[in-house]
Structure formats: structure tokens, C-alpha cells
Protein backbone atom coordinates (compact mmCIF):
# COMPACT_ATOMS: atom_id res chain seq x y z
CA MET A 1 155.35 72.42 97.11
CA LYS A 2 155.44 73.64 93.51
CA ALA A 3 158.90 74.77 92.31
CA GLY A 4 159.58 78.43 93.02
CA TRP A 5 156.85 78.75 95.64
CA LYS A 6 157.75 79.67 99.21
CA GLU A 7 155.87 79.29 102.46
CA LYS A 8 155.62 82.62 104.26
CA SER A 9 153.65 84.36 106.95
CA ILE A 10 151.44 87.29 105.94
CA GLY A 11 153.67 89.50 108.07
CA GLU A 12 156.61 88.69 105.77
CA ILE A 13 154.61 89.68 102.70
CA LEU A 14 152.80 92.89 103.60
CA GLN A 15 152.25 95.48 106.31
CA LEU A 16 148.94 96.72 107.70
CA GLU A 17 149.20 100.43 108.43
CA TYR A 18 146.72 102.28 110.63
CA GLY A 19 144.27 104.66 108.98
CA LYS A 20 143.84 108.19 110.30
CA PRO A 21 140.81 110.26 111.42
CA LEU A 22 139.61 112.97 109.03
CA ASP A 23 137.81 116.05 110.29
CA GLU A 24 134.29 116.54 108.91
CA ARG A 25 135.35 119.99 107.69
CA ASP A 26 137.86 118.32 105.36
CA ARG A 27 135.21 116.15 103.69
CA THR A 28 133.24 117.16 100.62
CA PRO A 29 130.91 115.13 98.37
CA ASN A 30 132.75 116.43 95.29
CA GLY A 31 136.27 115.87 96.62
CA ARG A 32 138.96 114.48 94.31
CA PHE A 33 139.92 111.55 96.53
CA PRO A 34 137.91 108.77 98.19
CA VAL A 35 137.70 108.42 101.97
CA TYR A 36 137.59 104.75 102.95
CA GLY A 37 135.88 103.26 105.97
CA ALA A 38 135.94 99.63 107.07
CA ASN A 39 133.46 98.53 104.40
CA GLY A 40 134.43 100.73 101.44
CA GLU A 41 134.20 104.33 100.29
CA LYS A 42 132.41 106.53 102.84
CA ASP A 43 133.10 110.06 101.63
CA ARG A 44 135.29 112.30 99.46
CA THR A 45 138.02 114.81 100.27
CA ASP A 46 140.49 117.09 98.51
CA LYS A 47 143.30 115.67 100.66
CA PHE A 48 144.96 112.30 100.40
CA TYR A 49 146.84 110.34 103.06
CA TYR A 50 148.44 107.65 100.89
CA GLY A 51 149.46 108.08 97.26
CA LYS A 52 149.56 104.55 95.83
CA PRO A 53 146.92 101.90 95.07
CA SER A 54 146.40 99.67 98.09
CA ILE A 55 143.96 97.40 99.90
CA ILE A 56 141.72 98.54 102.73
CA VAL A 57 141.17 96.00 105.53
CA GLY A 58 138.37 96.74 107.99
CA ARG A 59 139.90 97.06 111.48
CA LYS A 60 136.73 97.88 113.44
CA GLY A 61 133.07 97.71 112.53
CA SER A 62 133.08 95.68 109.30
CA ALA A 63 136.20 93.98 110.63
CA GLY A 64 138.03 91.88 108.06
CA GLU A 65 136.23 93.23 105.00
CA ILE A 66 138.67 94.08 102.20
CA ASN A 67 138.47 96.58 99.34
CA LEU A 68 140.87 97.70 96.63
CA THR A 69 141.59 101.44 96.64
CA GLU A 70 142.19 104.08 94.02
CA ASN A 71 145.59 105.66 93.36
CA LYS A 72 145.32 108.30 96.11
CA PHE A 73 143.00 108.03 99.09
CA TRP A 74 142.35 108.69 102.75
CA PRO A 75 141.93 105.62 105.04
CA LEU A 76 139.92 106.35 108.20
CA ASP A 77 141.05 105.15 111.63
CA VAL A 78 138.67 102.14 111.56
CA THR A 79 140.84 100.66 108.80
CA TYR A 80 144.21 99.23 107.99
CA PHE A 81 145.72 99.88 104.57
CA VAL A 82 148.27 97.59 102.94
CA THR A 83 151.85 98.49 102.08
CA PHE A 84 154.23 96.04 100.39
CA ASN A 85 157.29 95.66 98.14
CA ASP A 86 155.92 95.97 94.60
CA GLN A 87 159.14 94.48 93.22
CA GLN A 88 158.15 91.17 94.82
CA TYR A 89 154.37 91.20 95.01
CA ASP A 90 151.43 92.07 92.78
CA LEU A 91 148.64 94.16 94.36
CA GLN A 92 145.78 92.21 92.82
CA PHE A 93 147.46 88.94 93.84
CA LEU A 94 147.62 90.18 97.45
CA TYR A 95 143.94 91.16 97.26
CA TYR A 96 143.02 87.63 96.17
CA LEU A 97 145.34 86.22 98.83
CA LEU A 98 143.64 88.18 101.61
CA SER A 99 140.27 87.03 100.22
CA THR A 100 141.20 83.42 101.01
CA LEU A 101 142.04 84.09 104.66
CA GLU A 102 138.43 84.72 105.86
CA LEU A 103 139.66 87.64 107.96
CA PRO A 104 136.24 88.40 109.58
CA LYS A 105 136.71 85.19 111.60
CA LEU A 106 139.67 86.83 113.35
CA ALA A 107 137.50 89.65 114.74
CA LYS A 108 137.19 89.65 118.54
CA GLY A 109 135.68 91.74 121.33
CA VAL A 110 132.32 93.29 122.21
CA LYS A 111 132.82 95.69 119.31
CA PRO A 112 134.62 93.19 117.06
CA GLY A 113 138.00 94.28 115.82
CA ILE A 114 141.03 92.69 114.19
CA ASN A 115 144.53 92.66 115.67
CA ARG A 116 147.01 92.93 112.80
CA ASN A 117 149.45 90.58 114.54
CA GLU A 118 146.89 87.79 114.17
CA VAL A 119 146.69 88.54 110.45
CA TYR A 120 150.49 88.56 110.25
CA SER A 121 150.69 85.09 111.81
CA GLN A 122 148.64 83.46 109.03
CA ILE A 123 150.76 81.13 106.86
CA THR A 124 150.41 80.94 103.08
CA LYS A 125 152.31 79.89 99.95
CA VAL A 126 153.57 82.51 97.50
CA PRO A 127 155.02 82.12 93.98
CA PRO A 128 157.45 84.44 92.17
CA LEU A 129 156.09 87.73 90.80
CA SER A 130 155.73 86.43 87.23
CA GLU A 131 153.62 83.50 88.45
CA GLN A 132 151.54 85.86 90.60
CA LYS A 133 150.70 87.91 87.50
CA ARG A 134 149.79 84.76 85.54
CA ILE A 135 147.45 83.63 88.33
CA VAL A 136 145.88 87.10 88.52
CA GLY A 137 145.21 87.02 84.77
CA ILE A 138 143.43 83.67 85.04
CA LEU A 139 141.42 84.68 88.11
CA ASP A 140 140.44 88.06 86.64
CA GLU A 141 139.05 86.40 83.51
CA ALA A 142 137.28 83.67 85.47
CA PHE A 143 135.80 86.10 88.01
CA ASP A 144 134.56 88.40 85.23
CA GLY A 145 132.65 85.42 83.85
CA ILE A 146 131.35 84.50 87.30
CA ALA A 147 130.24 88.10 87.90
CA THR A 148 128.31 88.10 84.61
CA ALA A 149 126.69 84.75 85.45
CA LYS A 150 125.75 86.00 88.94
CA ALA A 151 124.26 89.19 87.52
CA ASN A 152 122.13 87.13 85.13
CA ALA A 153 120.98 84.77 87.90
CA GLU A 154 120.16 87.69 90.21
CA LYS A 155 118.22 89.39 87.41
CA ASN A 156 116.28 86.18 86.75
CA LEU A 157 115.56 85.91 90.48
CA GLN A 158 114.23 89.47 90.54
CA ASN A 159 112.20 88.85 87.37
CA ALA A 160 110.56 85.76 88.87
CA ARG A 161 109.50 87.71 91.95
CA ALA A 162 108.37 90.70 89.88
CA LEU A 163 106.28 88.45 87.62
CA PHE A 164 104.52 86.92 90.61
CA GLU A 165 103.81 90.33 92.20
CA SER A 166 102.55 91.67 88.87
CA HIS A 167 100.22 88.68 88.43
CA ARG A 168 98.90 88.94 91.98
CA HIS A 169 98.24 92.66 91.57
CA SER A 170 96.45 92.16 88.22
CA VAL A 171 94.18 89.46 89.66
CA PHE A 172 92.57 91.99 91.99
CA GLN A 173 92.05 94.46 89.13
CA LYS A 174 90.07 92.13 86.85
CA LYS A 175 87.10 91.65 89.20
CA ASN A 176 85.30 88.96 87.22
CA GLY A 177 81.84 88.18 88.60
CA GLU A 178 80.04 90.13 91.34
CA TRP A 179 82.39 91.92 93.75
CA ILE A 180 81.61 94.09 96.76
CA LYS A 181 83.75 96.67 98.54
CA THR A 182 84.04 96.04 102.25
CA THR A 183 86.52 96.51 105.11
CA ILE A 184 88.40 94.08 107.31
CA ASP A 185 86.28 94.66 110.41
CA ARG A 186 83.15 93.60 108.48
CA ILE A 187 84.52 90.24 107.36
CA SER A 188 86.73 89.25 110.30
CA SER A 189 86.93 89.37 114.09
CA ASN A 190 89.84 91.18 115.68
CA LEU A 191 91.56 89.19 118.46
CA ASP A 192 94.16 91.81 119.44
CA SER A 193 92.85 91.89 123.01
CA ARG A 194 94.15 88.34 123.50
CA ARG A 195 97.74 89.21 122.61
CA ILE A 196 100.35 88.93 125.36
CA PRO A 197 103.89 90.24 124.83
CA ILE A 198 106.73 88.55 126.74
CA THR A 199 110.13 90.20 127.06
CA LYS A 200 112.98 88.02 125.83
CA SER A 201 114.43 87.58 129.33
CA LYS A 202 111.12 86.12 130.60
CA ARG A 203 110.41 83.73 127.72
CA LYS A 204 110.73 80.02 128.42
CA SER A 205 112.17 78.20 125.45
CA GLY A 206 109.90 75.58 123.88
CA LYS A 207 108.33 74.25 120.68
CA TYR A 208 105.55 76.80 120.07
CA PRO A 209 106.14 79.67 117.60
CA TYR A 210 106.20 83.17 119.11
CA TYR A 211 105.06 85.62 116.41
CA GLY A 212 105.85 89.29 116.00
CA ALA A 213 105.33 91.87 113.25
CA SER A 214 107.29 90.01 110.57
CA GLY A 215 106.88 86.35 111.49
CA ILE A 216 108.39 83.98 114.04
CA VAL A 217 110.81 85.69 116.42
CA ASP A 218 111.22 82.85 118.96
CA TYR A 219 109.87 79.52 120.21
CA VAL A 220 108.26 79.32 123.66
CA SER A 221 107.02 76.63 126.04
CA GLU A 222 103.33 77.67 126.05
CA TYR A 223 100.71 78.91 123.60
CA ILE A 224 97.70 81.24 123.72
CA PHE A 225 96.17 80.47 120.31
CA ASP A 226 95.18 77.17 118.70
CA GLU A 227 93.33 78.18 115.53
CA ASP A 228 93.70 79.56 112.01
CA THR A 229 94.22 83.33 111.93
CA LEU A 230 95.74 86.03 109.75
CA LEU A 231 98.47 88.12 111.35
CA VAL A 232 99.08 91.65 110.03
CA SER A 233 102.09 93.75 111.04
CA GLU A 234 101.15 96.55 113.42
CA ASP A 235 104.47 98.38 113.48
CA GLY A 236 108.03 98.37 112.21
CA ALA A 237 110.04 99.62 109.22
CA ASN A 238 108.92 96.64 107.14
CA LEU A 239 105.44 98.16 106.82
CA LEU A 240 107.03 100.54 104.31
CA ALA A 241 110.05 98.55 103.12
CA ARG A 242 108.05 95.35 102.45
CA THR A 243 111.12 93.11 102.36
CA THR A 244 109.14 90.40 104.20
CA PRO A 245 105.36 89.75 104.27
CA ILE A 246 103.21 92.08 106.37
CA ALA A 247 100.22 89.69 106.22
CA PHE A 248 100.70 85.97 106.88
CA SER A 249 98.40 83.09 107.80
CA VAL A 250 99.23 80.99 110.88
CA SER A 251 97.69 77.85 112.33
CA GLY A 252 98.15 75.28 115.09
CA LYS A 253 99.36 76.31 118.54
CA TYR A 254 101.28 79.56 118.86
CA TRP A 255 101.82 82.80 120.80
CA VAL A 256 101.51 86.35 119.40
CA ASN A 257 103.01 89.52 120.84
CA ASN A 258 101.58 93.04 120.52
CA HIS A 259 103.35 93.87 117.24
CA ALA A 260 100.91 91.97 115.00
CA HIS A 261 97.15 92.30 114.59
CA ILE A 262 95.23 89.02 114.81
CA LEU A 263 92.27 88.48 112.49
CA LYS A 264 89.83 85.55 112.58
CA PHE A 265 87.76 84.79 109.44
CA GLU A 266 84.75 82.55 108.95
CA ASN A 267 86.61 80.47 106.36
CA MET A 268 90.17 79.96 105.20
CA THR A 269 89.38 80.97 101.61
CA THR A 270 88.41 84.52 102.62
CA GLN A 271 91.41 84.68 104.95
CA LYS A 272 93.82 83.72 102.14
CA PHE A 273 92.09 86.15 99.76
CA VAL A 274 92.57 89.04 102.19
CA GLU A 275 96.15 87.98 102.92
CA ASN A 276 97.03 88.11 99.21
CA TYR A 277 95.17 91.37 98.69
CA LEU A 278 97.01 93.11 101.52
CA GLU A 279 100.30 91.81 100.15
CA SER A 280 99.46 93.21 96.70
CA ILE A 281 98.82 96.83 97.72
CA LYS A 282 100.79 99.66 99.31
CA LEU A 283 99.72 100.65 102.80
CA ASP A 284 101.65 103.93 103.04
CA ASP A 285 98.49 106.07 103.27
CA TYR A 286 97.30 104.11 106.33
CA ILE A 287 100.59 104.18 108.23
CA THR A 288 101.51 106.78 110.83
CA GLY A 289 104.86 107.61 112.42
CA ALA A 290 108.17 108.31 110.69
CA ALA A 291 110.67 106.98 113.22
CA GLN A 292 108.46 103.95 114.02
CA PRO A 293 105.87 103.26 111.28
CA LYS A 294 102.58 102.00 112.72
CA LEU A 295 99.38 100.53 111.26
CA ASN A 296 96.91 100.89 114.11
CA GLN A 297 93.68 98.90 114.38
CA SER A 298 91.51 101.80 113.25
CA ALA A 299 93.61 102.33 110.12
CA LEU A 300 93.66 98.60 109.36
CA ASN A 301 89.86 98.52 109.61
CA SER A 302 89.54 101.44 107.18
CA ILE A 303 91.39 99.75 104.29
CA PRO A 304 88.86 99.07 101.46
CA ILE A 305 88.78 95.38 100.51
CA PRO A 306 87.28 94.54 97.09
CA ILE A 307 86.12 90.92 97.27
CA PRO A 308 83.85 88.57 95.29
CA LYS A 309 80.55 87.84 97.04
CA SER A 310 80.96 84.19 96.08
CA VAL A 311 83.39 82.15 98.21
CA THR A 312 83.79 79.88 95.18
CA GLU A 313 85.06 82.81 93.13
CA GLN A 314 87.37 83.81 95.99
CA ALA A 315 88.73 80.25 95.98
CA LYS A 316 89.49 80.37 92.23
CA ILE A 317 91.49 83.55 92.68
CA VAL A 318 93.42 82.21 95.67
CA GLU A 319 94.15 78.98 93.79
CA SER A 320 95.53 80.83 90.74
CA ILE A 321 97.80 82.93 92.97
CA GLU A 322 99.03 79.95 94.96
CA LYS A 323 99.80 77.95 91.80
CA LEU A 324 102.00 80.75 90.50
CA ALA A 325 103.54 81.15 93.98
CA VAL A 326 104.65 77.50 93.92
CA GLU A 327 106.20 77.91 90.46
CA THR A 328 107.88 81.17 91.51
CA GLN A 329 109.38 79.48 94.57
CA ARG A 330 110.68 76.67 92.33
CA LEU A 331 112.37 79.18 90.02
CA GLU A 332 113.76 81.16 92.97
CA SER A 333 115.24 77.95 94.36
CA ILE A 334 116.92 77.20 91.02
CA TYR A 335 118.41 80.67 90.70
CA GLN A 336 119.52 80.73 94.34
CA LYS A 337 121.28 77.39 93.87
CA LYS A 338 123.05 78.85 90.84
CA LEU A 339 124.19 81.83 92.90
CA ASP A 340 125.43 79.55 95.68
CA ALA A 341 127.25 77.35 93.14
CA LEU A 342 128.96 80.39 91.59
CA ASP A 343 130.14 81.51 95.04
CA GLU A 344 131.52 78.01 95.66
CA LEU A 345 133.24 78.04 92.26
CA LYS A 346 134.93 81.32 93.15
CA LYS A 347 136.18 79.87 96.46
CA SER A 348 137.36 76.74 94.70
CA LEU A 349 139.35 78.74 92.13
CA LEU A 350 140.99 80.79 94.88
CA ASN A 351 141.94 77.64 96.77
CA LEU A 352 143.44 76.12 93.62
CA ALA A 353 145.34 79.34 92.94
CA PHE A 354 146.96 79.49 96.36
CA SER A 355 147.79 75.81 96.48
CA GLY A 356 149.73 76.08 93.22
CA GLU A 357 147.25 74.00 91.22
CA LEU A 358 145.75 76.66 88.95
């Protein structure tokens, strides 16, 4: 062990104090002090429970999540807050130390929670206060750089996706050649009557995809379709949020439940054209229900579809979109790998810091 470092349990270094409930009447959006829940600031209040900077550790709910606090704050009863001897330990050093312990893995129970005695039993190595401050200075500078690099990579990731969506949308606005305006029921057959939902408890596990509103939700032992079709979400929050596709082509052998419409086209080119068109437009005006958004069959059939009369022209459009989709996926993969590498670098620096090698 490096000179001056000592091996200690977390319980010898800090204490985890219980947070306290706060009546709703004592909370106000414009309060002077933050109210912390298990995963960060939840509210404001004009009262404070603890008057020094500390660290919030999620006790229930987001168990094990950690957050630095302001000078004065109120910790709710789903949290622990850290107290310690500031003549021996640096707050930011303790925050980085707790970050290395992967506290969420200690959560147990039906409603996962963390027992502070299990946290106390963790063993670590701690240097003198002056060395703690030196390590914090190095980590702060390094993590600022990592945060900047991550922000740039995330922005590039967003830009790649935005560029693709912009291109796809513009393709359907140009309308080169002879286009007609039609609706889905005129260019496809609806196979919804063949759908069969199976509750999870009655599904037999197997190799065939079981599709729902947003893609594969399970794999089952039998299939009811063996053909190319386009599935379109019938219900669910994603119809409005659009975080995953609402229209997606499927093929081979598979099962579909009653949360996705099933459309059969005469040719794959028209199917892919319609898939991309539906992905490029908002469907809000065709969706009913606030608590449970729904795109019923009648509404789906009423959506105007502008489409070239020539299948050859449809194919050119689909090909241009798919080429850019491949390039976009390549860029997304690059940026995601950068983000993953930056996360690994951060972990590596923390491990070096708490092994005395930084």
C-alpha cells in the first residue's frame, strides 16, 4: 500500500443519516432550499434540515444513486445523507469514493432498498487529507474534459439522427414525377383479424418473434404469420413520443398480438415506401385517448399517403433513404462507442485514484 494510505471500512469514514419526511404544505417551487429525493432534487422549501454540504444516497426507490447537495437542504425519508469529520476527509473525495462502490448492487427486496450497515462494511483505501485534495483536483479536471467530450459526442449523435429525419422528411416533399394521393386501405390489405394476443403466463418460450406495438416483446414456440408485412402501432405512449419506430417491416415466421396493425402490400417496395412515410410524419391528429393513445383501424385508413404511381420511382426514393440510414447507423455506432469509451475512462481513472496509482 502507498505510504500514508490506510485501509478502512466505509463505516469508519462516514455516517449515513436518515432523511426526514416533509409535509406538502411546507414545499414551495420558489423555496430557498432544495428538497432531495433518492435520485436528486425533487422540490423546494423555505426550511432546511441539514446546514452543511453533503452527499445524498438513495435509500429506497433509486437505491444507491448519489448526489452532491447544496449548503443547506432537506433530505426526504427515502434518502440517507452523509456526515463526516471534515478535518480528516474531503467532501468531493468522499463523493468520488462512493461512486466507485457501485452501491445500487447492494439494493435488496421487492421494493429495493439499501441497508446502511452493508455500505459501512465495504473496505477501501484512504490517503491523508492533503492527498485527497490532490486527487480531487486531478479528477475534477479530467472529468470536466470527459464531460465536454461526452457532450460533443452526444450532440453529434443527435445531429446524425436529425440529419437523417430531415432528409427522409424532405424526400416526401419533393414529389418528382407523377404522384397520387391515396390511403392505406387502397394500397394494402389489413390482416388485423388474424391477430391473436397471448398473455405472458400462457406463452410457451420458443424461437419465433412475438410482436407488439413497438417491436419484439417475446419469443414463442409457434407462429401465425409466415410472410412480409408492415406492422403499425395501434396503441401506447410511443405513438406520440416516437422514441422507437411506430411502423416496421417484418418477415419470416412470427406472431403478432392485438397492439399492432398488420398490413400486407402487393410488393415490398410500396411497403417500405409507406413505412418510411409513416415514420416521417406526425400522427397526433389521428390518435385518440389521452391516458392510452390509440390509432384505430379507421384512423389509420384515413391517413393520406402521397405516393409515386411508378413502383420504379418508389424504389429510387426507398433506396436513397436506406443508403442514408446505413450511413447514419454507422455514425451512431461511432459516437456510441466514443460515449462508452469515455464512461470506461472515467471508471478507470476512479479505480487508479482509489488504488493510489493516480
